[in-house]
Amino acid sequence: MLSKWDDYPVHQAALPVAQTALSDLGRYDRHWMAMHDIDLTTQVGFGLSVHPNRGIVDASISIARDGRQDSVFASSRLSRDRDTIAGPLRVEVIEPMRVLRVVLEEHDGISADLTFTGVTQHIEDGRMRRDSGTTLVSERLRTVQFGDWSGEFTVGGETVTCSPDKWRGFRDRSWGSRTTGTVAEGQHGVHKSAIYFAWTLLRFEDECLLVAVNEMPDGRSEARTVAVLPFLKAGDPAYGEEDRILRGDTFQFDIDYRPGTRRAQHVDLTVGPRGLVNRKITIEPEGLFLMQGLGYYHPMWKHGTDHGKDIVGTDSWKLAGLDPSAMENVHAQQICRATRADGAIGLGLFEHVAIGPHLPSGLPDGIAPLGQ
């Protein structure tokens, strides 16, 4: 089955590009992006996932603002050219590794036309593989980049104009095989395995910092990443100069959970001192963004769901009235303010999901909070 990509020298196997070398249904290829204002009042998230062995592309955009979170979801049949379009949502690569555009054509009063421009290199994060017995749960590579945002979005009857001096953000690309947060998870009962994931992206005036960990219930790490990224200067390439990035894997998240939840109210992050990176940072979450707004654990819009047709829908939540211990609300991102030990102030994102027991944190089985 030939596609336009077969005219490019990008083949990894003796197959047309549109045919995957492996047939498991968890195969995916994903864009994820987020942006926030420097006053930490608003977060916008976007995701688009290609599921080649399901023949599906799904996408979503979600806006958390003024105590509400509003989402638009779409699912479409995947074209043989793997076009990154689902209903009214699409992502365009304007300049590879540097500039991307996210568009939502107006749907139920929500629209967006937003452009991400990288301010750091686009880098490889740590690779990860997880198995649950004989079932592959996750095998993925993730890449990360910090950037500025421009454009506008409309929600709740208000149009917000975004300029690079006031709107910052991040993106990641990941691909491989994954069932976490997808329809395949429920079909195969994979979630008998626990998840402990903590991820922070912090932007200071002099550097950007990425710290991420996936751990087993006993605290053993499946993937650990520290990366300190300098800002791009005029003429700098957006990838390929890895020696400019300080790397490490020695760090500790000490999370103070909000009572009755598995959601952080304060985080102490220590990086090093072993290795090239030595930082002490306090993180103060100031916002809330439910990842079900981008399909994770959403009862209807899980990634890879076959709705039997092209479909578009919306959902919205009043954030203050939600049960934080409900499964669909456990996975969250929080825009945050960070303070380095030298007094430097940064802004960014803290993402955390903890399902099942985690010995180092004292978390019990299931999704109960500490002490229960």
Protein backbone atom coordinates (compact mmCIF):
# COMPACT_ATOMS: atom_id res chain seq x y z
CA MET A 1 0.00 0.00 0.00
CA LEU A 2 1.99 2.96 -1.28
CA SER A 3 1.76 6.49 0.06
CA LYS A 4 3.45 9.81 -0.65
CA TRP A 5 6.11 8.96 1.95
CA ASP A 6 7.50 6.19 -0.25
CA ASP A 7 9.16 8.85 -2.41
CA TYR A 8 11.32 9.85 0.58
CA PRO A 9 14.32 7.86 1.90
CA VAL A 10 12.73 7.17 5.30
CA HIS A 11 12.07 3.40 5.15
CA GLN A 12 13.02 1.32 8.18
CA ALA A 13 11.98 -2.03 6.73
CA ALA A 14 11.38 -3.68 3.34
CA LEU A 15 7.79 -2.44 3.44
CA PRO A 16 5.89 0.62 2.26
CA VAL A 17 5.91 3.34 4.91
CA ALA A 18 2.16 2.99 5.48
CA GLN A 19 2.63 -0.63 6.63
CA THR A 20 3.98 -1.13 10.13
CA ALA A 21 6.71 -3.67 10.73
CA LEU A 22 4.88 -4.86 13.87
CA SER A 23 1.18 -5.59 14.05
CA ASP A 24 0.23 -5.00 17.70
CA LEU A 25 -2.72 -2.66 18.12
CA GLY A 26 -0.83 -0.41 20.53
CA ARG A 27 1.38 1.06 17.76
CA TYR A 28 1.06 4.84 17.77
CA ASP A 29 2.72 8.11 16.74
CA ARG A 30 1.78 11.23 18.70
CA HIS A 31 2.07 15.00 18.91
CA TRP A 32 1.48 16.57 22.33
CA MET A 33 1.75 20.31 22.99
CA ALA A 34 0.95 22.70 25.81
CA MET A 35 1.02 26.43 26.39
CA HIS A 36 0.39 28.77 29.31
CA ASP A 37 0.44 32.49 29.96
CA ILE A 38 3.19 33.95 32.15
CA ASP A 39 0.57 34.89 34.77
CA LEU A 40 -0.37 31.20 35.13
CA THR A 41 -4.08 31.78 34.62
CA THR A 42 -4.60 29.60 31.54
CA GLN A 43 -3.33 26.34 30.06
CA VAL A 44 -4.07 25.05 26.57
CA GLY A 45 -3.22 21.48 25.62
CA PHE A 46 -3.30 19.70 22.29
CA GLY A 47 -2.79 16.11 21.24
CA LEU A 48 -2.97 14.19 17.97
CA SER A 49 -2.33 10.46 17.74
CA VAL A 50 -1.97 8.20 14.72
CA HIS A 51 -2.86 4.54 15.36
CA PRO A 52 -1.69 2.77 12.17
CA ASN A 53 -2.79 -0.74 13.09
CA ARG A 54 -6.24 0.52 14.06
CA GLY A 55 -6.59 2.79 11.03
CA ILE A 56 -7.50 5.72 13.26
CA VAL A 57 -6.26 9.26 13.88
CA ASP A 58 -7.65 11.07 16.90
CA ALA A 59 -7.04 14.56 18.22
CA SER A 60 -8.16 16.90 20.98
CA ILE A 61 -7.64 20.40 22.26
CA SER A 62 -8.46 21.49 25.79
CA ILE A 63 -8.47 24.89 27.49
CA ALA A 64 -8.34 25.32 31.28
CA ARG A 65 -9.29 28.89 32.21
CA ASP A 66 -11.41 30.69 34.84
CA GLY A 67 -12.10 27.49 36.78
CA ARG A 68 -13.35 25.56 33.76
CA GLN A 69 -11.82 23.17 31.28
CA ASP A 70 -13.35 22.82 27.82
CA SER A 71 -12.34 20.22 25.25
CA VAL A 72 -13.02 19.36 21.63
CA PHE A 73 -12.37 15.76 20.55
CA ALA A 74 -12.28 14.24 17.09
CA SER A 75 -11.66 10.82 15.60
CA SER A 76 -11.29 9.99 11.91
CA ARG A 77 -10.24 7.18 9.62
CA LEU A 78 -6.51 7.32 8.97
CA SER A 79 -5.55 8.12 5.39
CA ARG A 80 -2.81 6.10 3.72
CA ASP A 81 -0.70 9.30 3.69
CA ARG A 82 -1.19 9.52 7.47
CA ASP A 83 -2.49 13.07 7.26
CA THR A 84 -2.45 14.74 10.67
CA ILE A 85 -6.09 15.82 10.51
CA ALA A 86 -9.05 14.66 12.58
CA GLY A 87 -12.30 16.46 11.90
CA PRO A 88 -11.83 20.17 12.64
CA LEU A 89 -8.44 19.60 14.30
CA ARG A 90 -5.06 19.45 12.61
CA VAL A 91 -1.36 19.99 13.21
CA GLU A 92 0.99 21.31 10.53
CA VAL A 93 4.78 21.04 10.55
CA ILE A 94 5.82 24.43 9.17
CA GLU A 95 9.56 24.00 9.77
CA PRO A 96 10.70 20.57 11.00
CA MET A 97 12.01 20.54 14.56
CA ARG A 98 11.24 24.25 15.04
CA VAL A 99 7.82 25.61 13.99
CA LEU A 100 4.40 23.88 14.15
CA ARG A 101 0.85 25.14 13.78
CA VAL A 102 -2.24 23.85 15.61
CA VAL A 103 -5.65 24.64 14.16
CA LEU A 104 -9.16 24.01 15.44
CA GLU A 105 -11.84 25.15 13.03
CA GLU A 106 -14.75 26.55 15.04
CA HIS A 107 -16.78 23.86 16.80
CA ASP A 108 -19.40 24.58 19.48
CA GLY A 109 -17.96 28.04 20.04
CA ILE A 110 -14.33 26.89 20.44
CA SER A 111 -11.62 27.61 17.88
CA ALA A 112 -7.85 28.07 17.74
CA ASP A 113 -5.04 29.00 15.39
CA LEU A 114 -1.78 28.75 17.32
CA THR A 115 1.87 28.54 16.28
CA PHE A 116 4.67 26.99 18.33
CA THR A 117 8.24 28.19 17.74
CA GLY A 118 11.05 26.29 19.43
CA VAL A 119 13.45 28.20 21.69
CA THR A 120 15.62 25.17 22.54
CA GLN A 121 16.83 22.14 20.64
CA HIS A 122 14.40 19.30 20.07
CA ILE A 123 15.94 16.40 22.00
CA GLU A 124 15.45 12.72 22.79
CA ASP A 125 14.03 11.99 26.22
CA GLY A 126 14.67 8.63 27.89
CA ARG A 127 13.40 5.51 26.18
CA MET A 128 11.07 3.22 28.09
CA ARG A 129 9.70 -0.31 27.92
CA ARG A 130 7.19 -1.84 30.29
CA ASP A 131 5.67 -5.32 30.28
CA SER A 132 2.84 -6.71 32.37
CA GLY A 133 3.45 -10.43 32.40
CA THR A 134 3.59 -11.35 28.73
CA THR A 135 1.73 -8.22 27.61
CA LEU A 136 3.62 -5.23 26.23
CA VAL A 137 2.31 -2.12 27.99
CA SER A 138 4.66 0.52 26.64
CA GLU A 139 7.65 0.71 24.36
CA ARG A 140 8.24 4.26 23.33
CA LEU A 141 10.66 7.00 22.46
CA ARG A 142 9.76 10.55 23.46
CA THR A 143 11.29 13.83 22.30
CA VAL A 144 10.93 17.24 23.96
CA GLN A 145 11.29 20.91 23.06
CA PHE A 146 10.57 24.23 24.81
CA GLY A 147 9.01 27.06 22.82
CA ASP A 148 6.97 30.25 22.51
CA TRP A 149 3.40 30.51 21.24
CA SER A 150 1.54 33.01 19.10
CA GLY A 151 -1.92 33.23 17.56
CA GLU A 152 -5.34 33.18 19.16
CA PHE A 153 -8.04 30.94 20.58
CA THR A 154 -11.70 31.42 21.38
CA VAL A 155 -13.62 29.83 24.24
CA GLY A 156 -16.62 30.88 26.31
CA GLY A 157 -17.34 33.79 23.99
CA GLU A 158 -13.89 35.32 24.53
CA THR A 159 -11.07 35.49 22.00
CA VAL A 160 -7.58 35.51 23.51
CA THR A 161 -4.63 36.80 21.50
CA CYS A 162 -1.31 35.12 22.30
CA SER A 163 2.12 36.70 21.78
CA PRO A 164 5.54 35.07 22.33
CA ASP A 165 6.46 37.46 25.15
CA LYS A 166 3.49 36.32 27.22
CA TRP A 167 2.81 32.72 26.17
CA ARG A 168 5.28 29.89 26.72
CA GLY A 169 5.08 26.18 26.29
CA PHE A 170 6.44 22.83 25.30
CA ARG A 171 5.88 19.95 22.96
CA ASP A 172 6.74 16.31 22.84
CA ARG A 173 6.66 13.72 20.12
CA SER A 174 6.44 10.08 21.02
CA TRP A 175 6.07 6.88 19.07
CA GLY A 176 6.24 3.15 19.60
CA SER A 177 3.63 0.94 21.26
CA ARG A 178 1.45 2.00 24.14
CA THR A 179 -1.74 1.01 25.88
CA THR A 180 -1.66 3.37 28.89
CA GLY A 181 -4.69 5.67 28.74
CA THR A 182 -5.95 4.05 25.54
CA VAL A 183 -8.85 1.86 24.53
CA ALA A 184 -6.46 -1.11 24.31
CA GLU A 185 -5.81 -0.84 28.03
CA GLY A 186 -9.39 -1.66 28.92
CA GLN A 187 -9.64 -4.42 26.35
CA HIS A 188 -6.60 -6.26 27.66
CA GLY A 189 -6.87 -5.49 31.36
CA VAL A 190 -3.38 -4.08 31.33
CA HIS A 191 -4.03 -1.63 34.13
CA LYS A 192 -3.47 -4.30 36.72
CA SER A 193 0.07 -2.92 36.53
CA ALA A 194 0.85 0.24 38.48
CA ILE A 195 1.97 3.59 37.09
CA TYR A 196 4.17 6.17 38.76
CA PHE A 197 5.15 9.04 36.47
CA ALA A 198 6.47 12.47 37.39
CA TRP A 199 7.54 14.97 34.74
CA THR A 200 8.48 18.62 34.98
CA LEU A 201 9.38 21.19 32.34
CA LEU A 202 10.73 24.41 33.85
CA ARG A 203 11.84 27.52 32.01
CA PHE A 204 14.16 30.00 33.72
CA GLU A 205 15.70 33.12 32.21
CA ASP A 206 19.04 31.37 31.63
CA GLU A 207 18.06 27.74 30.93
CA CYS A 208 15.29 25.21 30.47
CA LEU A 209 15.15 22.08 32.62
CA LEU A 210 13.49 18.73 31.88
CA VAL A 211 13.24 16.09 34.62
CA ALA A 212 11.20 12.89 34.20
CA VAL A 213 10.85 9.53 35.88
CA ASN A 214 8.82 6.34 35.43
CA GLU A 215 9.04 3.97 38.39
CA MET A 216 7.86 0.52 39.40
CA PRO A 217 5.87 0.02 42.64
CA ASP A 218 9.07 -0.76 44.55
CA GLY A 219 10.77 2.41 43.33
CA ARG A 220 12.95 0.92 40.59
CA SER A 221 13.24 3.24 37.62
CA GLU A 222 12.14 2.27 34.13
CA ALA A 223 13.27 5.59 32.67
CA ARG A 224 15.01 8.61 34.18
CA THR A 225 15.93 11.84 32.46
CA VAL A 226 17.59 15.12 33.38
CA ALA A 227 18.36 17.59 30.61
CA VAL A 228 19.44 21.23 30.88
CA LEU A 229 18.79 22.97 27.55
CA PRO A 230 20.31 26.32 26.62
CA PHE A 231 18.28 28.78 24.57
CA LEU A 232 18.83 28.82 20.83
CA LYS A 233 20.77 31.77 19.45
CA ALA A 234 20.40 33.18 15.95
CA GLY A 235 21.66 30.61 13.46
CA ASP A 236 21.67 27.70 15.94
CA PRO A 237 20.24 24.43 14.61
CA ALA A 238 17.10 23.13 16.33
CA TYR A 239 18.53 19.62 16.67
CA GLY A 240 21.76 17.70 16.32
CA GLU A 241 24.08 19.46 18.77
CA GLU A 242 23.59 17.14 21.71
CA ASP A 243 26.94 18.05 23.28
CA ARG A 244 25.46 21.43 24.25
CA ILE A 245 22.91 19.70 26.51
CA LEU A 246 23.84 18.78 30.08
CA ARG A 247 22.45 15.34 30.94
CA GLY A 248 22.00 13.32 34.09
CA ASP A 249 19.80 10.78 35.84
CA THR A 250 20.40 11.44 39.54
CA PHE A 251 17.46 13.29 41.10
CA GLN A 252 14.64 13.04 43.61
CA PHE A 253 11.07 14.34 43.54
CA ASP A 254 9.72 14.85 47.08
CA ILE A 255 6.00 15.39 46.56
CA ASP A 256 3.74 16.82 49.25
CA TYR A 257 0.29 15.61 48.30
CA ARG A 258 -2.85 17.65 48.75
CA PRO A 259 -4.87 15.94 51.53
CA GLY A 260 -7.23 13.28 50.21
CA THR A 261 -5.63 13.23 46.75
CA ARG A 262 -2.71 12.00 44.69
CA ARG A 263 -2.18 15.53 43.43
CA ALA A 264 0.82 17.65 44.33
CA GLN A 265 0.51 20.82 46.41
CA HIS A 266 4.28 21.30 46.79
CA VAL A 267 7.32 19.58 45.27
CA ASP A 268 10.98 19.68 46.28
CA LEU A 269 13.22 18.64 43.41
CA THR A 270 16.85 17.78 43.99
CA VAL A 271 19.06 17.08 40.96
CA GLY A 272 22.57 15.77 41.53
CA PRO A 273 25.05 16.65 42.93
CA ARG A 274 26.44 13.54 41.24
CA GLY A 275 27.02 14.21 37.55
CA LEU A 276 26.97 17.39 35.48
CA VAL A 277 23.78 18.91 36.88
CA ASN A 278 23.38 20.16 40.45
CA ARG A 279 20.09 21.92 41.21
CA LYS A 280 17.73 22.35 44.14
CA ILE A 281 14.30 23.61 43.15
CA THR A 282 10.96 24.12 44.86
CA ILE A 283 7.88 23.77 42.66
CA GLU A 284 4.58 25.43 43.57
CA PRO A 285 1.67 24.19 41.42
CA GLU A 286 -0.83 26.96 40.70
CA GLY A 287 -3.17 25.49 38.10
CA LEU A 288 -5.02 22.31 37.21
CA PHE A 289 -5.39 20.65 33.82
CA LEU A 290 -7.13 17.29 33.62
CA MET A 291 -5.46 14.93 31.19
CA GLN A 292 -8.84 13.35 30.43
CA GLY A 293 -9.34 16.62 28.55
CA LEU A 294 -6.88 15.18 26.00
CA GLY A 295 -8.31 11.67 26.12
CA TYR A 296 -6.35 10.02 28.93
CA TYR A 297 -8.82 7.89 30.94
CA HIS A 298 -11.75 9.73 29.41
CA PRO A 299 -14.76 7.36 29.44
CA MET A 300 -15.54 8.02 25.76
CA TRP A 301 -12.51 9.58 24.08
CA LYS A 302 -9.64 7.26 25.00
CA HIS A 303 -6.85 7.23 22.42
CA GLY A 304 -7.35 4.67 19.69
CA THR A 305 -11.09 4.23 20.22
CA ASP A 306 -12.92 3.08 17.10
CA HIS A 307 -16.19 5.01 17.08
CA GLY A 308 -17.26 3.31 13.86
CA LYS A 309 -17.29 6.60 11.95
CA ASP A 310 -15.73 10.03 11.81
CA ILE A 311 -16.93 11.84 14.91
CA VAL A 312 -16.49 15.15 16.74
CA GLY A 313 -17.58 15.98 20.27
CA THR A 314 -17.05 18.26 23.24
CA ASP A 315 -16.83 17.98 26.99
CA SER A 316 -16.34 20.47 29.80
CA TRP A 317 -15.78 20.48 33.54
CA LYS A 318 -15.98 22.85 36.48
CA LEU A 319 -12.63 21.99 38.01
CA ALA A 320 -13.50 22.84 41.61
CA GLY A 321 -16.38 20.38 41.72
CA LEU A 322 -14.58 17.25 40.57
CA ASP A 323 -13.65 14.24 42.67
CA PRO A 324 -9.81 14.15 42.58
CA SER A 325 -9.80 10.46 43.50
CA ALA A 326 -11.92 9.36 40.54
CA MET A 327 -9.89 7.39 38.01
CA GLU A 328 -10.54 9.82 35.16
CA ASN A 329 -9.27 12.73 37.30
CA VAL A 330 -6.12 11.19 38.81
CA HIS A 331 -3.85 12.05 35.88
CA ALA A 332 -3.27 15.81 35.91
CA GLN A 333 -0.91 18.55 34.84
CA GLN A 334 -0.36 21.71 36.85
CA ILE A 335 1.22 24.91 35.58
CA CYS A 336 3.63 26.02 38.24
CA ARG A 337 6.13 28.52 39.60
CA ALA A 338 9.60 27.22 40.45
CA THR A 339 12.37 28.69 42.58
CA ARG A 340 15.99 27.58 42.24
CA ALA A 341 18.28 27.58 45.25
CA ASP A 342 20.07 30.63 43.79
CA GLY A 343 16.80 32.57 43.82
CA ALA A 344 16.04 32.34 40.09
CA ILE A 345 12.32 32.11 39.33
CA GLY A 346 11.00 29.89 36.57
CA LEU A 347 7.63 28.92 35.14
CA GLY A 348 6.52 25.63 33.74
CA LEU A 349 4.56 22.46 34.12
CA PHE A 350 4.42 19.58 36.58
CA GLU A 351 2.68 16.39 35.46
CA HIS A 352 2.02 13.48 37.75
CA VAL A 353 0.04 10.26 37.71
CA ALA A 354 0.26 7.59 40.40
CA ILE A 355 -1.99 4.54 40.06
CA GLY A 356 -1.38 1.55 42.28
CA PRO A 357 1.16 1.20 45.09
CA HIS A 358 4.44 3.12 45.23
CA LEU A 359 6.68 2.13 48.11
CA PRO A 360 8.95 5.23 48.22
CA SER A 361 5.91 7.52 48.41
CA GLY A 362 3.88 5.32 50.76
CA LEU A 363 0.99 5.20 48.31
CA PRO A 364 -1.30 2.17 48.72
CA ASP A 365 -2.88 -0.01 46.05
CA GLY A 366 -5.54 1.41 43.78
CA ILE A 367 -5.94 5.18 43.65
CA ALA A 368 -6.45 5.87 47.35
CA PRO A 369 -4.44 8.78 48.80
CA LEU A 370 -1.75 8.47 51.45
CA GLY A 371 -2.83 6.86 54.70
CA GLN A 372 -5.81 5.01 53.25
